[in-house]
Amino acid sequence: MRKSDVTCPHCQAGYRRIELTSKGGIAGEFRCLVCDHIIELMDGSTDVAFRLTVQPGKTSYAY
């Protein structure tokens, strides 16, 4: 299991990323829950989970 922190480059929302290398996952993409920006494209070779840990203020980014 690998743990890391990821930040959305668009709105600066913070996520905890957990990757299980011993288990296959689902191919797809993960989008920011705040601004819908693509954070990561996943090939399904590992199981990846994200948890929002830092929600930015409404004035920290503009659409």
C-alpha atoms as a PDB file:
ATOM      1  CA  MET A   1       0.000   0.000   0.000  1.00  0.00           C
ATOM      2  CA  ARG A   2       1.288   3.445  -0.932  1.00  0.00           C
ATOM      3  CA  LYS A   3      -0.012   6.706   0.542  1.00  0.00           C
ATOM      4  CA  SER A   4       0.585  10.149  -0.922  1.00  0.00           C
ATOM      5  CA  ASP A   5      -0.939  13.613  -1.011  1.00  0.00           C
ATOM      6  CA  VAL A   6      -2.228  15.110  -4.265  1.00  0.00           C
ATOM      7  CA  THR A   7      -3.254  18.712  -4.970  1.00  0.00           C
ATOM      8  CA  CYS A   8      -5.580  19.836  -7.739  1.00  0.00           C
ATOM      9  CA  PRO A   9      -3.610  22.239  -9.952  1.00  0.00           C
ATOM     10  CA  HIS A  10      -6.745  24.231 -10.761  1.00  0.00           C
ATOM     11  CA  CYS A  11      -8.378  24.926  -7.371  1.00  0.00           C
ATOM     12  CA  GLN A  12      -5.734  23.707  -4.868  1.00  0.00           C
ATOM     13  CA  ALA A  13      -8.034  21.128  -3.244  1.00  0.00           C
ATOM     14  CA  GLY A  14      -6.000  18.553  -1.315  1.00  0.00           C
ATOM     15  CA  TYR A  15      -6.498  14.788  -1.507  1.00  0.00           C
ATOM     16  CA  ARG A  16      -5.025  11.755   0.232  1.00  0.00           C
ATOM     17  CA  ARG A  17      -4.257   9.110  -2.404  1.00  0.00           C
ATOM     18  CA  ILE A  18      -4.054   5.439  -1.412  1.00  0.00           C
ATOM     19  CA  GLU A  19      -2.874   2.821  -3.894  1.00  0.00           C
ATOM     20  CA  LEU A  20      -3.158  -0.931  -3.330  1.00  0.00           C
ATOM     21  CA  THR A  21      -0.550  -2.561  -5.541  1.00  0.00           C
ATOM     22  CA  SER A  22      -1.664  -6.066  -4.544  1.00  0.00           C
ATOM     23  CA  LYS A  23      -5.152  -5.576  -5.987  1.00  0.00           C
ATOM     24  CA  GLY A  24      -6.312  -4.662  -9.472  1.00  0.00           C
ATOM     25  CA  GLY A  25      -8.644  -1.726  -9.858  1.00  0.00           C
ATOM     26  CA  ILE A  26     -10.898  -0.129 -12.437  1.00  0.00           C
ATOM     27  CA  ALA A  27      -9.576   1.826 -15.406  1.00  0.00           C
ATOM     28  CA  GLY A  28     -10.897   5.367 -15.618  1.00  0.00           C
ATOM     29  CA  GLU A  29     -10.260   8.848 -14.355  1.00  0.00           C
ATOM     30  CA  PHE A  30     -10.539  10.717 -11.087  1.00  0.00           C
ATOM     31  CA  ARG A  31     -11.873  14.280 -11.223  1.00  0.00           C
ATOM     32  CA  CYS A  32     -11.622  16.949  -8.558  1.00  0.00           C
ATOM     33  CA  LEU A  33     -14.764  16.987  -6.437  1.00  0.00           C
ATOM     34  CA  VAL A  34     -14.602  20.790  -6.189  1.00  0.00           C
ATOM     35  CA  CYS A  35     -13.877  21.993  -9.749  1.00  0.00           C
ATOM     36  CA  ASP A  36     -14.195  18.801 -11.895  1.00  0.00           C
ATOM     37  CA  HIS A  37     -10.592  19.048 -13.195  1.00  0.00           C
ATOM     38  CA  ILE A  38      -9.007  15.680 -14.121  1.00  0.00           C
ATOM     39  CA  ILE A  39      -6.576  14.714 -11.359  1.00  0.00           C
ATOM     40  CA  GLU A  40      -5.460  11.280 -12.563  1.00  0.00           C
ATOM     41  CA  LEU A  41      -6.051   8.776 -15.358  1.00  0.00           C
ATOM     42  CA  MET A  42      -5.944   5.197 -14.067  1.00  0.00           C
ATOM     43  CA  ASP A  43      -5.160   2.102 -16.146  1.00  0.00           C
ATOM     44  CA  GLY A  44      -6.676  -0.393 -13.696  1.00  0.00           C
ATOM     45  CA  SER A  45      -3.428  -2.180 -12.843  1.00  0.00           C
ATOM     46  CA  THR A  46      -3.776  -1.123  -9.177  1.00  0.00           C
ATOM     47  CA  ASP A  47      -6.676  -0.124  -6.941  1.00  0.00           C
ATOM     48  CA  VAL A  48      -6.580   3.623  -6.199  1.00  0.00           C
ATOM     49  CA  ALA A  49      -8.733   5.597  -3.751  1.00  0.00           C
ATOM     50  CA  PHE A  50      -8.884   9.347  -3.113  1.00  0.00           C
ATOM     51  CA  ARG A  51     -10.195  11.260  -0.096  1.00  0.00           C
ATOM     52  CA  LEU A  52     -10.746  15.023  -0.055  1.00  0.00           C
ATOM     53  CA  THR A  53      -8.710  16.403   2.862  1.00  0.00           C
ATOM     54  CA  VAL A  54      -8.437  20.148   2.112  1.00  0.00           C
ATOM     55  CA  GLN A  55     -11.351  21.982   0.554  1.00  0.00           C
ATOM     56  CA  PRO A  56     -10.300  25.350  -0.901  1.00  0.00           C
ATOM     57  CA  GLY A  57     -12.126  28.585  -0.206  1.00  0.00           C
ATOM     58  CA  LYS A  58     -14.600  29.715  -2.847  1.00  0.00           C
ATOM     59  CA  THR A  59     -12.402  32.675  -3.771  1.00  0.00           C
ATOM     60  CA  SER A  60      -9.200  30.652  -4.279  1.00  0.00           C
ATOM     61  CA  TYR A  61     -10.038  29.789  -7.888  1.00  0.00           C
ATOM     62  CA  ALA A  62     -12.182  31.091 -10.723  1.00  0.00           C
ATOM     63  CA  TYR A  63     -14.118  29.165 -13.330  1.00  0.00           C
END
